Amino acid sequence: MPTVNREQIITAALAIVDEQGSDALTMRTLASRVHRQVSSLYNHVGSRDELIELVRARIVEDIDTSAFAVQPWDVALEAWARSYLRAFAAHPNLIRILATTPIRDISTFEIYDDVIGALIEAGWPMHDAVAVMRTVEAHVLGSALDIVAPSDMLDQASVPAELARVHAALAPEYEASTSAAAAFELGIRALLDGLRTRRAAVAPA
């Protein structure tokens, strides 16, 4: 039987979550996926918690922070948000488990260090920098779930006619501005506008 390495185990774990949800990710289901005994997995992964962090590290490989080195903080923050959205929208079943599990992965902290460091260098007070990052992060994660939701999640046909305002606002001709993607665009613009105002107030140029 061919050997199984850590990278293959991480790939299998990610596939389980993508297909069945995070609750399905157990050492037993993972062992079955890679055709091994549970005990043999511990040669590569010490625990389910460690496995989750390895999966986290795999996902954040696709999150780009390079703009923070060359762009103004607000432009870089938007680029980071869009990169983050793409990474998590591709694996929406991971959002709940990664958003509610203590972070131990060093590569995730390295991303946060890039973001927070750039904000501080741009004049944000240190005590605000984490809140700025988390505010954008929360919008991204909510939007990632919204974007992959069923297309009829918010559908005019499901709204009783007597709720005239909701019914009218969900008319097909408004689809371009009522979609999840449009909501993300409106949200990120509003967030950045508000953050620029806040930045000017806490640290005038």
C-alpha atoms as a PDB file:
ATOM      1  CA  MET A   1       0.000   0.000   0.000  1.00  0.00           C
ATOM      2  CA  PRO A   2       1.416   3.455  -0.930  1.00  0.00           C
ATOM      3  CA  THR A   3       2.514   5.629   1.948  1.00  0.00           C
ATOM      4  CA  VAL A   4       0.439   8.637   3.031  1.00  0.00           C
ATOM      5  CA  ASN A   5       2.135  11.902   3.943  1.00  0.00           C
ATOM      6  CA  ARG A   6       0.955  14.899   5.922  1.00  0.00           C
ATOM      7  CA  GLU A   7       0.024  16.964   2.869  1.00  0.00           C
ATOM      8  CA  GLN A   8      -2.217  14.181   1.582  1.00  0.00           C
ATOM      9  CA  ILE A   9      -3.871  13.964   4.989  1.00  0.00           C
ATOM     10  CA  ILE A  10      -4.563  17.705   4.984  1.00  0.00           C
ATOM     11  CA  THR A  11      -6.019  17.456   1.475  1.00  0.00           C
ATOM     12  CA  ALA A  12      -8.285  14.610   2.574  1.00  0.00           C
ATOM     13  CA  ALA A  13      -9.406  16.526   5.667  1.00  0.00           C
ATOM     14  CA  LEU A  14     -10.262  19.576   3.574  1.00  0.00           C
ATOM     15  CA  ALA A  15     -12.246  17.407   1.149  1.00  0.00           C
ATOM     16  CA  ILE A  16     -14.285  15.940   4.018  1.00  0.00           C
ATOM     17  CA  VAL A  17     -15.206  19.387   5.308  1.00  0.00           C
ATOM     18  CA  ASP A  18     -16.010  20.681   1.819  1.00  0.00           C
ATOM     19  CA  GLU A  19     -18.268  17.725   1.108  1.00  0.00           C
ATOM     20  CA  GLN A  20     -19.859  16.977   4.483  1.00  0.00           C
ATOM     21  CA  GLY A  21     -19.278  19.921   6.812  1.00  0.00           C
ATOM     22  CA  SER A  22     -16.919  20.461   9.703  1.00  0.00           C
ATOM     23  CA  ASP A  23     -18.786  18.140  12.092  1.00  0.00           C
ATOM     24  CA  ALA A  24     -17.900  15.224   9.826  1.00  0.00           C
ATOM     25  CA  LEU A  25     -14.180  15.785  10.307  1.00  0.00           C
ATOM     26  CA  THR A  26     -13.047  13.187  12.817  1.00  0.00           C
ATOM     27  CA  MET A  27      -9.909  11.121  12.959  1.00  0.00           C
ATOM     28  CA  ARG A  28     -12.018   8.072  12.153  1.00  0.00           C
ATOM     29  CA  THR A  29     -13.594   9.552   9.013  1.00  0.00           C
ATOM     30  CA  LEU A  30     -10.206  10.852   7.952  1.00  0.00           C
ATOM     31  CA  ALA A  31      -8.603   7.438   8.417  1.00  0.00           C
ATOM     32  CA  SER A  32     -11.339   5.910   6.311  1.00  0.00           C
ATOM     33  CA  ARG A  33     -10.806   8.501   3.575  1.00  0.00           C
ATOM     34  CA  VAL A  34      -7.096   7.731   3.286  1.00  0.00           C
ATOM     35  CA  HIS A  35      -7.572   3.970   3.825  1.00  0.00           C
ATOM     36  CA  ARG A  36      -5.555   3.779   7.019  1.00  0.00           C
ATOM     37  CA  GLN A  37      -6.071   2.835  10.632  1.00  0.00           C
ATOM     38  CA  VAL A  38      -6.778   5.727  12.977  1.00  0.00           C
ATOM     39  CA  SER A  39      -3.630   4.958  14.937  1.00  0.00           C
ATOM     40  CA  SER A  40      -1.462   5.442  11.857  1.00  0.00           C
ATOM     41  CA  LEU A  41      -2.665   9.024  11.446  1.00  0.00           C
ATOM     42  CA  TYR A  42      -0.974   9.971  14.691  1.00  0.00           C
ATOM     43  CA  ASN A  43       2.374   9.424  13.000  1.00  0.00           C
ATOM     44  CA  HIS A  44       1.570  12.616  11.049  1.00  0.00           C
ATOM     45  CA  VAL A  45      -0.972  14.586  13.110  1.00  0.00           C
ATOM     46  CA  GLY A  46      -1.079  14.742  16.890  1.00  0.00           C
ATOM     47  CA  SER A  47      -4.778  15.517  17.321  1.00  0.00           C
ATOM     48  CA  ARG A  48      -7.902  16.810  15.625  1.00  0.00           C
ATOM     49  CA  ASP A  49      -7.053  20.306  16.895  1.00  0.00           C
ATOM     50  CA  GLU A  50      -3.676  20.124  15.205  1.00  0.00           C
ATOM     51  CA  LEU A  51      -5.358  18.881  12.041  1.00  0.00           C
ATOM     52  CA  ILE A  52      -7.698  21.891  12.043  1.00  0.00           C
ATOM     53  CA  GLU A  53      -4.723  24.223  12.309  1.00  0.00           C
ATOM     54  CA  LEU A  54      -3.003  22.456   9.434  1.00  0.00           C
ATOM     55  CA  VAL A  55      -6.136  22.937   7.341  1.00  0.00           C
ATOM     56  CA  ARG A  56      -6.210  26.601   8.396  1.00  0.00           C
ATOM     57  CA  ALA A  57      -2.617  26.971   7.232  1.00  0.00           C
ATOM     58  CA  ARG A  58      -3.518  25.440   3.864  1.00  0.00           C
ATOM     59  CA  ILE A  59      -6.357  27.937   3.338  1.00  0.00           C
ATOM     60  CA  VAL A  60      -4.433  31.034   4.353  1.00  0.00           C
ATOM     61  CA  GLU A  61      -1.758  30.232   1.780  1.00  0.00           C
ATOM     62  CA  ASP A  62      -4.178  31.838  -0.694  1.00  0.00           C
ATOM     63  CA  ILE A  63      -4.606  35.076   1.281  1.00  0.00           C
ATOM     64  CA  ASP A  64      -2.388  37.805  -0.156  1.00  0.00           C
ATOM     65  CA  THR A  65      -0.979  40.566   2.058  1.00  0.00           C
ATOM     66  CA  SER A  66       1.628  41.851  -0.391  1.00  0.00           C
ATOM     67  CA  ALA A  67      -0.285  45.097  -1.008  1.00  0.00           C
ATOM     68  CA  PHE A  68       0.493  46.275   2.516  1.00  0.00           C
ATOM     69  CA  ALA A  69       4.149  46.684   1.537  1.00  0.00           C
ATOM     70  CA  VAL A  70       3.461  48.964  -1.427  1.00  0.00           C
ATOM     71  CA  GLN A  71      -0.011  50.519  -1.142  1.00  0.00           C
ATOM     72  CA  PRO A  72      -1.702  52.977   1.252  1.00  0.00           C
ATOM     73  CA  TRP A  73      -3.331  51.205   4.202  1.00  0.00           C
ATOM     74  CA  ASP A  74      -6.904  51.538   2.910  1.00  0.00           C
ATOM     75  CA  VAL A  75      -6.087  50.300  -0.600  1.00  0.00           C
ATOM     76  CA  ALA A  76      -4.136  47.382   0.863  1.00  0.00           C
ATOM     77  CA  LEU A  77      -6.926  46.583   3.307  1.00  0.00           C
ATOM     78  CA  GLU A  78      -9.397  46.295   0.440  1.00  0.00           C
ATOM     79  CA  ALA A  79      -7.042  44.066  -1.562  1.00  0.00           C
ATOM     80  CA  TRP A  80      -6.551  41.864   1.506  1.00  0.00           C
ATOM     81  CA  ALA A  81     -10.314  41.638   2.062  1.00  0.00           C
ATOM     82  CA  ARG A  82     -10.931  40.536  -1.515  1.00  0.00           C
ATOM     83  CA  SER A  83      -8.173  37.928  -1.339  1.00  0.00           C
ATOM     84  CA  TYR A  84      -9.554  36.680   1.981  1.00  0.00           C
ATOM     85  CA  LEU A  85     -13.062  36.473   0.519  1.00  0.00           C
ATOM     86  CA  ARG A  86     -11.906  34.369  -2.429  1.00  0.00           C
ATOM     87  CA  ALA A  87     -10.024  31.961  -0.154  1.00  0.00           C
ATOM     88  CA  PHE A  88     -12.948  31.341   2.182  1.00  0.00           C
ATOM     89  CA  ALA A  89     -15.762  31.455  -0.375  1.00  0.00           C
ATOM     90  CA  ALA A  90     -14.042  28.460  -1.974  1.00  0.00           C
ATOM     91  CA  HIS A  91     -14.415  26.533   1.314  1.00  0.00           C
ATOM     92  CA  PRO A  92     -17.475  27.921   3.130  1.00  0.00           C
ATOM     93  CA  ASN A  93     -17.894  24.845   5.338  1.00  0.00           C
ATOM     94  CA  LEU A  94     -14.623  25.777   7.013  1.00  0.00           C
ATOM     95  CA  ILE A  95     -15.783  29.176   8.202  1.00  0.00           C
ATOM     96  CA  ARG A  96     -17.618  28.044  11.331  1.00  0.00           C
ATOM     97  CA  ILE A  97     -14.878  25.766  12.602  1.00  0.00           C
ATOM     98  CA  LEU A  98     -12.017  28.158  11.835  1.00  0.00           C
ATOM     99  CA  ALA A  99     -13.910  31.158  13.227  1.00  0.00           C
ATOM    100  CA  THR A 100     -14.635  29.393  16.528  1.00  0.00           C
ATOM    101  CA  THR A 101     -11.375  27.518  17.111  1.00  0.00           C
ATOM    102  CA  PRO A 102      -8.433  29.188  18.894  1.00  0.00           C
ATOM    103  CA  ILE A 103      -5.757  30.104  16.370  1.00  0.00           C
ATOM    104  CA  ARG A 104      -2.419  28.363  16.789  1.00  0.00           C
ATOM    105  CA  ASP A 105      -1.190  28.387  13.189  1.00  0.00           C
ATOM    106  CA  ILE A 106       1.879  30.599  12.802  1.00  0.00           C
ATOM    107  CA  SER A 107       1.137  31.491   9.167  1.00  0.00           C
ATOM    108  CA  THR A 108      -2.199  33.007  10.210  1.00  0.00           C
ATOM    109  CA  PHE A 109      -0.453  35.111  12.844  1.00  0.00           C
ATOM    110  CA  GLU A 110       2.066  36.193  10.206  1.00  0.00           C
ATOM    111  CA  ILE A 111      -0.800  37.513   8.075  1.00  0.00           C
ATOM    112  CA  TYR A 112      -2.220  39.367  11.054  1.00  0.00           C
ATOM    113  CA  ASP A 113       1.219  40.790  11.778  1.00  0.00           C
ATOM    114  CA  ASP A 114       1.405  42.171   8.235  1.00  0.00           C
ATOM    115  CA  VAL A 115      -2.043  43.758   8.507  1.00  0.00           C
ATOM    116  CA  ILE A 116      -1.663  45.155  12.020  1.00  0.00           C
ATOM    117  CA  GLY A 117       1.871  46.362  11.359  1.00  0.00           C
ATOM    118  CA  ALA A 118       0.785  48.261   8.256  1.00  0.00           C
ATOM    119  CA  LEU A 119      -2.120  49.861  10.107  1.00  0.00           C
ATOM    120  CA  ILE A 120       0.129  51.025  12.936  1.00  0.00           C
ATOM    121  CA  GLU A 121       2.681  52.399  10.472  1.00  0.00           C
ATOM    122  CA  ALA A 122      -0.166  54.284   8.775  1.00  0.00           C
ATOM    123  CA  GLY A 123      -0.977  56.043  12.033  1.00  0.00           C
ATOM    124  CA  TRP A 124      -3.637  53.828  13.559  1.00  0.00           C
ATOM    125  CA  PRO A 125      -3.255  53.593  17.354  1.00  0.00           C
ATOM    126  CA  MET A 126      -2.128  50.137  18.411  1.00  0.00           C
ATOM    127  CA  HIS A 127      -5.262  49.669  20.509  1.00  0.00           C
ATOM    128  CA  ASP A 128      -7.426  50.176  17.379  1.00  0.00           C
ATOM    129  CA  ALA A 129      -5.436  48.133  14.885  1.00  0.00           C
ATOM    130  CA  VAL A 130      -6.789  44.712  15.893  1.00  0.00           C
ATOM    131  CA  ALA A 131     -10.365  46.038  15.922  1.00  0.00           C
ATOM    132  CA  VAL A 132      -9.925  47.430  12.404  1.00  0.00           C
ATOM    133  CA  MET A 133      -8.617  44.095  11.189  1.00  0.00           C
ATOM    134  CA  ARG A 134     -11.394  42.127  12.876  1.00  0.00           C
ATOM    135  CA  THR A 135     -14.097  44.442  11.559  1.00  0.00           C
ATOM    136  CA  VAL A 136     -13.006  43.823   7.976  1.00  0.00           C
ATOM    137  CA  GLU A 137     -12.511  40.128   8.682  1.00  0.00           C
ATOM    138  CA  ALA A 138     -16.067  39.798  10.043  1.00  0.00           C
ATOM    139  CA  HIS A 139     -17.497  41.414   6.910  1.00  0.00           C
ATOM    140  CA  VAL A 140     -15.471  39.067   4.720  1.00  0.00           C
ATOM    141  CA  LEU A 141     -16.526  35.888   6.534  1.00  0.00           C
ATOM    142  CA  GLY A 142     -20.197  36.858   6.557  1.00  0.00           C
ATOM    143  CA  SER A 143     -20.023  37.744   2.876  1.00  0.00           C
ATOM    144  CA  ALA A 144     -18.330  34.441   2.032  1.00  0.00           C
ATOM    145  CA  LEU A 145     -21.273  32.569   3.552  1.00  0.00           C
ATOM    146  CA  ASP A 146     -23.759  34.850   1.812  1.00  0.00           C
ATOM    147  CA  ILE A 147     -22.146  34.446  -1.595  1.00  0.00           C
ATOM    148  CA  VAL A 148     -22.338  30.645  -1.511  1.00  0.00           C
ATOM    149  CA  ALA A 149     -25.893  30.537  -0.101  1.00  0.00           C
ATOM    150  CA  PRO A 150     -28.645  29.063  -2.339  1.00  0.00           C
ATOM    151  CA  SER A 151     -29.677  31.411  -5.119  1.00  0.00           C
ATOM    152  CA  ASP A 152     -33.259  31.480  -3.796  1.00  0.00           C
ATOM    153  CA  MET A 153     -32.207  32.357  -0.241  1.00  0.00           C
ATOM    154  CA  LEU A 154     -33.793  35.792  -0.607  1.00  0.00           C
ATOM    155  CA  ASP A 155     -36.322  35.398  -3.371  1.00  0.00           C
ATOM    156  CA  GLN A 156     -39.225  37.636  -4.334  1.00  0.00           C
ATOM    157  CA  ALA A 157     -41.451  34.632  -4.989  1.00  0.00           C
ATOM    158  CA  SER A 158     -41.185  33.633  -1.324  1.00  0.00           C
ATOM    159  CA  VAL A 159     -42.314  37.034  -0.011  1.00  0.00           C
ATOM    160  CA  PRO A 160     -46.054  37.495   0.680  1.00  0.00           C
ATOM    161  CA  ALA A 161     -47.507  40.177  -1.563  1.00  0.00           C
ATOM    162  CA  GLU A 162     -48.812  42.123   1.441  1.00  0.00           C
ATOM    163  CA  LEU A 163     -45.200  42.844   2.421  1.00  0.00           C
ATOM    164  CA  ALA A 164     -45.137  45.274  -0.451  1.00  0.00           C
ATOM    165  CA  ARG A 165     -41.837  47.002   0.212  1.00  0.00           C
ATOM    166  CA  VAL A 166     -39.754  43.843   0.532  1.00  0.00           C
ATOM    167  CA  HIS A 167     -41.588  42.312  -2.418  1.00  0.00           C
ATOM    168  CA  ALA A 168     -40.901  45.341  -4.599  1.00  0.00           C
ATOM    169  CA  ALA A 169     -37.258  45.677  -3.547  1.00  0.00           C
ATOM    170  CA  LEU A 170     -36.579  42.070  -4.559  1.00  0.00           C
ATOM    171  CA  ALA A 171     -37.881  42.546  -8.097  1.00  0.00           C
ATOM    172  CA  PRO A 172     -35.698  40.857 -10.737  1.00  0.00           C
ATOM    173  CA  GLU A 173     -34.672  44.191 -12.257  1.00  0.00           C
ATOM    174  CA  TYR A 174     -32.838  45.032  -9.018  1.00  0.00           C
ATOM    175  CA  GLU A 175     -30.908  41.763  -8.879  1.00  0.00           C
ATOM    176  CA  ALA A 176     -27.597  43.386  -9.736  1.00  0.00           C
ATOM    177  CA  SER A 177     -27.798  45.563  -6.612  1.00  0.00           C
ATOM    178  CA  THR A 178     -29.454  43.069  -4.231  1.00  0.00           C
ATOM    179  CA  SER A 179     -27.128  40.113  -4.769  1.00  0.00           C
ATOM    180  CA  ALA A 180     -24.651  38.867  -2.165  1.00  0.00           C
ATOM    181  CA  ALA A 181     -21.787  40.129  -4.313  1.00  0.00           C
ATOM    182  CA  ALA A 182     -23.365  43.590  -4.470  1.00  0.00           C
ATOM    183  CA  ALA A 183     -23.849  43.551  -0.701  1.00  0.00           C
ATOM    184  CA  PHE A 184     -20.161  42.786  -0.223  1.00  0.00           C
ATOM    185  CA  GLU A 185     -19.203  45.689  -2.499  1.00  0.00           C
ATOM    186  CA  LEU A 186     -21.478  48.120  -0.667  1.00  0.00           C
ATOM    187  CA  GLY A 187     -20.255  46.861   2.686  1.00  0.00           C
ATOM    188  CA  ILE A 188     -16.545  47.099   1.922  1.00  0.00           C
ATOM    189  CA  ARG A 189     -16.961  50.613   0.528  1.00  0.00           C
ATOM    190  CA  ALA A 190     -18.944  51.708   3.590  1.00  0.00           C
ATOM    191  CA  LEU A 191     -16.421  50.106   5.937  1.00  0.00           C
ATOM    192  CA  LEU A 192     -13.469  51.777   4.270  1.00  0.00           C
ATOM    193  CA  ASP A 193     -15.210  55.163   4.174  1.00  0.00           C
ATOM    194  CA  GLY A 194     -15.934  54.866   7.883  1.00  0.00           C
ATOM    195  CA  LEU A 195     -12.424  53.696   8.680  1.00  0.00           C
ATOM    196  CA  ARG A 196     -10.871  56.591   6.772  1.00  0.00           C
ATOM    197  CA  THR A 197     -12.995  58.992   8.811  1.00  0.00           C
ATOM    198  CA  ARG A 198     -12.017  57.228  12.020  1.00  0.00           C
ATOM    199  CA  ARG A 199      -8.349  57.251  11.066  1.00  0.00           C
ATOM    200  CA  ALA A 200      -8.427  60.997  10.415  1.00  0.00           C
ATOM    201  CA  ALA A 201     -10.028  61.565  13.800  1.00  0.00           C
ATOM    202  CA  VAL A 202      -7.642  59.437  15.883  1.00  0.00           C
ATOM    203  CA  ALA A 203      -4.419  60.367  14.104  1.00  0.00           C
ATOM    204  CA  PRO A 204      -4.630  63.545  12.030  1.00  0.00           C
ATOM    205  CA  ALA A 205      -2.027  63.827   9.295  1.00  0.00           C
END
